[in-house]
Amino acid sequence: FQKHEFFVDMTCEGCSKAVTRVLDRLGGVQFDIDLPNKKVFIDSEHNVDTLLETLKKTGKNTSYLGEKSAQ
């Protein structure tokens, strides 16, 4: 899988929980949330548009930063 990197304007634990909730509901994703740097790293078969739309459901300012090659 490609690992995708997204910016999500998260300011607190509640924000990261909202991200976790929408991604868990989508399913088929493995992800890491980097709260201090406001980043979410996602491993998924879903395309970027789907992931971005899902993250936007949190109501946070969200953008796609690009792909990280899987280590």
PDB file of N, CA and C in Angstrom:
ATOM      1  N   PHE A   1       0.847  -1.207   0.000  1.00  0.00           N
ATOM      2  CA  PHE A   1       0.000   0.000   0.000  1.00  0.00           C
ATOM      3  C   PHE A   1       0.875   1.246   0.000  1.00  0.00           C
ATOM      4  N   GLN A   2       0.348   2.289  -0.579  1.00  0.00           N
ATOM      5  CA  GLN A   2       0.996   3.585  -0.423  1.00  0.00           C
ATOM      6  C   GLN A   2       0.615   4.109   0.943  1.00  0.00           C
ATOM      7  N   LYS A   3       1.513   4.829   1.548  1.00  0.00           N
ATOM      8  CA  LYS A   3       1.185   5.501   2.801  1.00  0.00           C
ATOM      9  C   LYS A   3       0.947   6.960   2.438  1.00  0.00           C
ATOM     10  N   HIS A   4      -0.207   7.451   2.756  1.00  0.00           N
ATOM     11  CA  HIS A   4      -0.565   8.824   2.422  1.00  0.00           C
ATOM     12  C   HIS A   4      -0.429   9.717   3.643  1.00  0.00           C
ATOM     13  N   GLU A   5      -0.018  10.940   3.381  1.00  0.00           N
ATOM     14  CA  GLU A   5       0.172  11.900   4.463  1.00  0.00           C
ATOM     15  C   GLU A   5      -0.827  13.048   4.288  1.00  0.00           C
ATOM     16  N   PHE A   6      -1.575  13.310   5.339  1.00  0.00           N
ATOM     17  CA  PHE A   6      -2.568  14.378   5.303  1.00  0.00           C
ATOM     18  C   PHE A   6      -2.316  15.374   6.426  1.00  0.00           C
ATOM     19  N   PHE A   7      -2.638  16.620   6.155  1.00  0.00           N
ATOM     20  CA  PHE A   7      -2.664  17.636   7.198  1.00  0.00           C
ATOM     21  C   PHE A   7      -4.105  17.719   7.697  1.00  0.00           C
ATOM     22  N   VAL A   8      -4.291  17.663   8.998  1.00  0.00           N
ATOM     23  CA  VAL A   8      -5.618  17.869   9.585  1.00  0.00           C
ATOM     24  C   VAL A   8      -5.427  18.835  10.747  1.00  0.00           C
ATOM     25  N   ASP A   9      -6.173  19.919  10.742  1.00  0.00           N
ATOM     26  CA  ASP A   9      -5.997  20.956  11.756  1.00  0.00           C
ATOM     27  C   ASP A   9      -6.553  20.509  13.108  1.00  0.00           C
ATOM     28  N   MET A  10      -5.794  19.672  13.796  1.00  0.00           N
ATOM     29  CA  MET A  10      -6.214  19.120  15.086  1.00  0.00           C
ATOM     30  C   MET A  10      -5.535  19.906  16.205  1.00  0.00           C
ATOM     31  N   THR A  11      -6.324  20.283  17.187  1.00  0.00           N
ATOM     32  CA  THR A  11      -5.754  21.065  18.280  1.00  0.00           C
ATOM     33  C   THR A  11      -5.781  20.324  19.607  1.00  0.00           C
ATOM     34  N   CYS A  12      -6.509  19.221  19.660  1.00  0.00           N
ATOM     35  CA  CYS A  12      -6.656  18.544  20.948  1.00  0.00           C
ATOM     36  C   CYS A  12      -6.919  17.054  20.759  1.00  0.00           C
ATOM     37  N   GLU A  13      -6.951  16.356  21.875  1.00  0.00           N
ATOM     38  CA  GLU A  13      -7.229  14.932  21.909  1.00  0.00           C
ATOM     39  C   GLU A  13      -8.584  14.634  21.255  1.00  0.00           C
ATOM     40  N   GLY A  14      -9.553  15.508  21.491  1.00  0.00           N
ATOM     41  CA  GLY A  14     -10.891  15.338  20.911  1.00  0.00           C
ATOM     42  C   GLY A  14     -10.848  15.324  19.393  1.00  0.00           C
ATOM     43  N   CYS A  15      -9.987  16.195  18.837  1.00  0.00           N
ATOM     44  CA  CYS A  15      -9.840  16.246  17.375  1.00  0.00           C
ATOM     45  C   CYS A  15      -9.302  14.933  16.839  1.00  0.00           C
ATOM     46  N   SER A  16      -8.281  14.400  17.520  1.00  0.00           N
ATOM     47  CA  SER A  16      -7.704  13.155  17.025  1.00  0.00           C
ATOM     48  C   SER A  16      -8.691  12.003  17.186  1.00  0.00           C
ATOM     49  N   LYS A  17      -9.527  12.074  18.205  1.00  0.00           N
ATOM     50  CA  LYS A  17     -10.579  11.047  18.370  1.00  0.00           C
ATOM     51  C   LYS A  17     -11.591  11.128  17.235  1.00  0.00           C
ATOM     52  N   ALA A  18     -11.904  12.343  16.803  1.00  0.00           N
ATOM     53  CA  ALA A  18     -12.838  12.525  15.682  1.00  0.00           C
ATOM     54  C   ALA A  18     -12.250  11.899  14.412  1.00  0.00           C
ATOM     55  N   VAL A  19     -10.963  12.099  14.197  1.00  0.00           N
ATOM     56  CA  VAL A  19     -10.284  11.509  13.041  1.00  0.00           C
ATOM     57  C   VAL A  19     -10.340   9.985  13.128  1.00  0.00           C
ATOM     58  N   THR A  20     -10.031   9.455  14.307  1.00  0.00           N
ATOM     59  CA  THR A  20     -10.079   8.005  14.526  1.00  0.00           C
ATOM     60  C   THR A  20     -11.470   7.464  14.229  1.00  0.00           C
ATOM     61  N   ARG A  21     -12.483   8.187  14.682  1.00  0.00           N
ATOM     62  CA  ARG A  21     -13.865   7.747  14.503  1.00  0.00           C
ATOM     63  C   ARG A  21     -14.240   7.662  13.024  1.00  0.00           C
ATOM     64  N   VAL A  22     -13.961   8.696  12.252  1.00  0.00           N
ATOM     65  CA  VAL A  22     -14.356   8.670  10.829  1.00  0.00           C
ATOM     66  C   VAL A  22     -13.560   7.626  10.041  1.00  0.00           C
ATOM     67  N   LEU A  23     -12.285   7.439  10.398  1.00  0.00           N
ATOM     68  CA  LEU A  23     -11.480   6.446   9.679  1.00  0.00           C
ATOM     69  C   LEU A  23     -11.897   5.021  10.038  1.00  0.00           C
ATOM     70  N   ASP A  24     -12.240   4.805  11.313  1.00  0.00           N
ATOM     71  CA  ASP A  24     -12.720   3.477  11.721  1.00  0.00           C
ATOM     72  C   ASP A  24     -14.032   3.147  11.022  1.00  0.00           C
ATOM     73  N   ARG A  25     -14.869   4.152  10.846  1.00  0.00           N
ATOM     74  CA  ARG A  25     -16.151   3.945  10.183  1.00  0.00           C
ATOM     75  C   ARG A  25     -15.946   3.604   8.708  1.00  0.00           C
ATOM     76  N   LEU A  26     -14.948   4.232   8.087  1.00  0.00           N
ATOM     77  CA  LEU A  26     -14.636   3.942   6.686  1.00  0.00           C
ATOM     78  C   LEU A  26     -14.146   2.497   6.543  1.00  0.00           C
ATOM     79  N   GLY A  27     -13.272   2.090   7.450  1.00  0.00           N
ATOM     80  CA  GLY A  27     -12.739   0.731   7.409  1.00  0.00           C
ATOM     81  C   GLY A  27     -11.671   0.552   6.355  1.00  0.00           C
ATOM     82  N   GLY A  28     -10.910  -0.524   6.507  1.00  0.00           N
ATOM     83  CA  GLY A  28      -9.864  -0.829   5.534  1.00  0.00           C
ATOM     84  C   GLY A  28      -8.700   0.141   5.564  1.00  0.00           C
ATOM     85  N   VAL A  29      -8.492   0.768   6.715  1.00  0.00           N
ATOM     86  CA  VAL A  29      -7.388   1.709   6.843  1.00  0.00           C
ATOM     87  C   VAL A  29      -6.560   1.394   8.081  1.00  0.00           C
ATOM     88  N   GLN A  30      -5.262   1.623   7.957  1.00  0.00           N
ATOM     89  CA  GLN A  30      -4.384   1.602   9.124  1.00  0.00           C
ATOM     90  C   GLN A  30      -3.821   3.011   9.155  1.00  0.00           C
ATOM     91  N   PHE A  31      -3.773   3.603  10.340  1.00  0.00           N
ATOM     92  CA  PHE A  31      -3.324   4.988  10.376  1.00  0.00           C
ATOM     93  C   PHE A  31      -2.603   5.337  11.665  1.00  0.00           C
ATOM     94  N   ASP A  32      -1.796   6.390  11.575  1.00  0.00           N
ATOM     95  CA  ASP A  32      -1.117   6.962  12.730  1.00  0.00           C
ATOM     96  C   ASP A  32      -1.467   8.432  12.751  1.00  0.00           C
ATOM     97  N   ILE A  33      -1.734   8.931  13.942  1.00  0.00           N
ATOM     98  CA  ILE A  33      -2.057  10.345  14.091  1.00  0.00           C
ATOM     99  C   ILE A  33      -0.910  11.028  14.823  1.00  0.00           C
ATOM    100  N   ASP A  34      -0.390  12.072  14.210  1.00  0.00           N
ATOM    101  CA  ASP A  34       0.673  12.872  14.811  1.00  0.00           C
ATOM    102  C   ASP A  34       0.043  14.202  15.211  1.00  0.00           C
ATOM    103  N   LEU A  35      -0.487  14.233  16.428  1.00  0.00           N
ATOM    104  CA  LEU A  35      -1.243  15.398  16.890  1.00  0.00           C
ATOM    105  C   LEU A  35      -0.419  16.690  16.954  1.00  0.00           C
ATOM    106  N   PRO A  36       0.798  16.658  17.538  1.00  0.00           N
ATOM    107  CA  PRO A  36       1.583  17.904  17.620  1.00  0.00           C
ATOM    108  C   PRO A  36       1.847  18.543  16.259  1.00  0.00           C
ATOM    109  N   ASN A  37       2.075  17.702  15.244  1.00  0.00           N
ATOM    110  CA  ASN A  37       2.364  18.228  13.905  1.00  0.00           C
ATOM    111  C   ASN A  37       1.135  18.276  12.998  1.00  0.00           C
ATOM    112  N   LYS A  38      -0.022  17.927  13.575  1.00  0.00           N
ATOM    113  CA  LYS A  38      -1.292  17.990  12.832  1.00  0.00           C
ATOM    114  C   LYS A  38      -1.256  17.168  11.553  1.00  0.00           C
ATOM    115  N   LYS A  39      -0.706  15.962  11.675  1.00  0.00           N
ATOM    116  CA  LYS A  39      -0.621  15.094  10.504  1.00  0.00           C
ATOM    117  C   LYS A  39      -1.263  13.746  10.776  1.00  0.00           C
ATOM    118  N   VAL A  40      -1.812  13.177   9.706  1.00  0.00           N
ATOM    119  CA  VAL A  40      -2.374  11.832   9.783  1.00  0.00           C
ATOM    120  C   VAL A  40      -1.737  11.029   8.648  1.00  0.00           C
ATOM    121  N   PHE A  41      -1.173   9.878   9.007  1.00  0.00           N
ATOM    122  CA  PHE A  41      -0.550   8.993   8.016  1.00  0.00           C
ATOM    123  C   PHE A  41      -1.472   7.797   7.844  1.00  0.00           C
ATOM    124  N   ILE A  42      -1.849   7.523   6.613  1.00  0.00           N
ATOM    125  CA  ILE A  42      -2.818   6.462   6.359  1.00  0.00           C
ATOM    126  C   ILE A  42      -2.302   5.445   5.350  1.00  0.00           C
ATOM    127  N   ASP A  43      -2.428   4.171   5.715  1.00  0.00           N
ATOM    128  CA  ASP A  43      -2.172   3.054   4.799  1.00  0.00           C
ATOM    129  C   ASP A  43      -3.530   2.531   4.382  1.00  0.00           C
ATOM    130  N   SER A  44      -3.817   2.534   3.093  1.00  0.00           N
ATOM    131  CA  SER A  44      -5.143   2.111   2.678  1.00  0.00           C
ATOM    132  C   SER A  44      -5.215   1.779   1.208  1.00  0.00           C
ATOM    133  N   GLU A  45      -6.203   0.973   0.851  1.00  0.00           N
ATOM    134  CA  GLU A  45      -6.474   0.704  -0.560  1.00  0.00           C
ATOM    135  C   GLU A  45      -7.412   1.769  -1.125  1.00  0.00           C
ATOM    136  N   HIS A  46      -8.044   2.532  -0.236  1.00  0.00           N
ATOM    137  CA  HIS A  46      -8.940   3.600  -0.700  1.00  0.00           C
ATOM    138  C   HIS A  46      -8.127   4.658  -1.433  1.00  0.00           C
ATOM    139  N   ASN A  47      -8.765   5.334  -2.388  1.00  0.00           N
ATOM    140  CA  ASN A  47      -8.025   6.376  -3.082  1.00  0.00           C
ATOM    141  C   ASN A  47      -7.984   7.655  -2.237  1.00  0.00           C
ATOM    142  N   VAL A  48      -7.127   8.560  -2.646  1.00  0.00           N
ATOM    143  CA  VAL A  48      -6.893   9.780  -1.890  1.00  0.00           C
ATOM    144  C   VAL A  48      -8.171  10.608  -1.727  1.00  0.00           C
ATOM    145  N   ASP A  49      -8.977  10.689  -2.790  1.00  0.00           N
ATOM    146  CA  ASP A  49     -10.211  11.476  -2.711  1.00  0.00           C
ATOM    147  C   ASP A  49     -11.134  10.956  -1.618  1.00  0.00           C
ATOM    148  N   THR A  50     -11.260   9.634  -1.551  1.00  0.00           N
ATOM    149  CA  THR A  50     -12.108   9.017  -0.532  1.00  0.00           C
ATOM    150  C   THR A  50     -11.572   9.335   0.862  1.00  0.00           C
ATOM    151  N   LEU A  51     -10.277   9.208   1.030  1.00  0.00           N
ATOM    152  CA  LEU A  51      -9.660   9.468   2.332  1.00  0.00           C
ATOM    153  C   LEU A  51      -9.818  10.931   2.730  1.00  0.00           C
ATOM    154  N   LEU A  52      -9.621  11.817   1.764  1.00  0.00           N
ATOM    155  CA  LEU A  52      -9.748  13.251   2.030  1.00  0.00           C
ATOM    156  C   LEU A  52     -11.186  13.609   2.410  1.00  0.00           C
ATOM    157  N   GLU A  53     -12.146  13.086   1.655  1.00  0.00           N
ATOM    158  CA  GLU A  53     -13.556  13.337   1.973  1.00  0.00           C
ATOM    159  C   GLU A  53     -13.896  12.824   3.370  1.00  0.00           C
ATOM    160  N   THR A  54     -13.355  11.654   3.700  1.00  0.00           N
ATOM    161  CA  THR A  54     -13.604  11.067   5.015  1.00  0.00           C
ATOM    162  C   THR A  54     -13.038  11.958   6.119  1.00  0.00           C
ATOM    163  N   LEU A  55     -11.806  12.409   5.936  1.00  0.00           N
ATOM    164  CA  LEU A  55     -11.192  13.273   6.943  1.00  0.00           C
ATOM    165  C   LEU A  55     -11.926  14.598   7.081  1.00  0.00           C
ATOM    166  N   LYS A  56     -12.489  15.084   5.971  1.00  0.00           N
ATOM    167  CA  LYS A  56     -13.217  16.358   6.012  1.00  0.00           C
ATOM    168  C   LYS A  56     -14.503  16.253   6.828  1.00  0.00           C
ATOM    169  N   LYS A  57     -14.996  15.020   7.016  1.00  0.00           N
ATOM    170  CA  LYS A  57     -16.201  14.830   7.836  1.00  0.00           C
ATOM    171  C   LYS A  57     -15.975  15.235   9.282  1.00  0.00           C
ATOM    172  N   THR A  58     -14.711  15.383   9.679  1.00  0.00           N
ATOM    173  CA  THR A  58     -14.425  15.833  11.042  1.00  0.00           C
ATOM    174  C   THR A  58     -14.727  17.326  11.185  1.00  0.00           C
ATOM    175  N   GLY A  59     -14.899  18.015  10.063  1.00  0.00           N
ATOM    176  CA  GLY A  59     -15.143  19.458  10.112  1.00  0.00           C
ATOM    177  C   GLY A  59     -13.854  20.248  10.247  1.00  0.00           C
ATOM    178  N   LYS A  60     -12.721  19.563  10.209  1.00  0.00           N
ATOM    179  CA  LYS A  60     -11.426  20.241  10.333  1.00  0.00           C
ATOM    180  C   LYS A  60     -10.893  20.618   8.962  1.00  0.00           C
ATOM    181  N   ASN A  61     -10.043  21.634   8.965  1.00  0.00           N
ATOM    182  CA  ASN A  61      -9.332  22.017   7.755  1.00  0.00           C
ATOM    183  C   ASN A  61      -8.371  20.871   7.423  1.00  0.00           C
ATOM    184  N   THR A  62      -8.499  20.309   6.235  1.00  0.00           N
ATOM    185  CA  THR A  62      -7.761  19.109   5.859  1.00  0.00           C
ATOM    186  C   THR A  62      -7.142  19.260   4.482  1.00  0.00           C
ATOM    187  N   SER A  63      -5.924  18.797   4.311  1.00  0.00           N
ATOM    188  CA  SER A  63      -5.351  18.795   2.967  1.00  0.00           C
ATOM    189  C   SER A  63      -4.434  17.591   2.795  1.00  0.00           C
ATOM    190  N   TYR A  64      -4.223  17.224   1.541  1.00  0.00           N
ATOM    191  CA  TYR A  64      -3.391  16.069   1.206  1.00  0.00           C
ATOM    192  C   TYR A  64      -1.962  16.553   1.001  1.00  0.00           C
ATOM    193  N   LEU A  65      -1.018  15.961   1.709  1.00  0.00           N
ATOM    194  CA  LEU A  65       0.368  16.393   1.626  1.00  0.00           C
ATOM    195  C   LEU A  65       1.210  15.566   0.661  1.00  0.00           C
ATOM    196  N   GLY A  66       0.749  14.359   0.358  1.00  0.00           N
ATOM    197  CA  GLY A  66       1.492  13.550  -0.598  1.00  0.00           C
ATOM    198  C   GLY A  66       1.698  12.133  -0.100  1.00  0.00           C
ATOM    199  N   GLU A  67       2.438  11.359  -0.891  1.00  0.00           N
ATOM    200  CA  GLU A  67       2.666   9.974  -0.547  1.00  0.00           C
ATOM    201  C   GLU A  67       3.988   9.820   0.170  1.00  0.00           C
ATOM    202  N   LYS A  68       3.997   8.936   1.118  1.00  0.00           N
ATOM    203  CA  LYS A  68       5.266   8.545   1.734  1.00  0.00           C
ATOM    204  C   LYS A  68       5.521   7.136   1.267  1.00  0.00           C
ATOM    205  N   SER A  69       6.736   6.861   0.839  1.00  0.00           N
ATOM    206  CA  SER A  69       7.000   5.491   0.407  1.00  0.00           C
ATOM    207  C   SER A  69       7.041   4.612   1.649  1.00  0.00           C
ATOM    208  N   ALA A  70       6.408   3.461   1.552  1.00  0.00           N
ATOM    209  CA  ALA A  70       6.349   2.549   2.690  1.00  0.00           C
ATOM    210  C   ALA A  70       7.753   2.039   2.996  1.00  0.00           C
ATOM    211  N   GLN A  71       8.116   2.091   4.234  1.00  0.00           N
ATOM    212  CA  GLN A  71       9.453   1.629   4.654  1.00  0.00           C
ATOM    213  C   GLN A  71       9.416   0.127   4.857  1.00  0.00           C
TER     214      GLN A  71
END
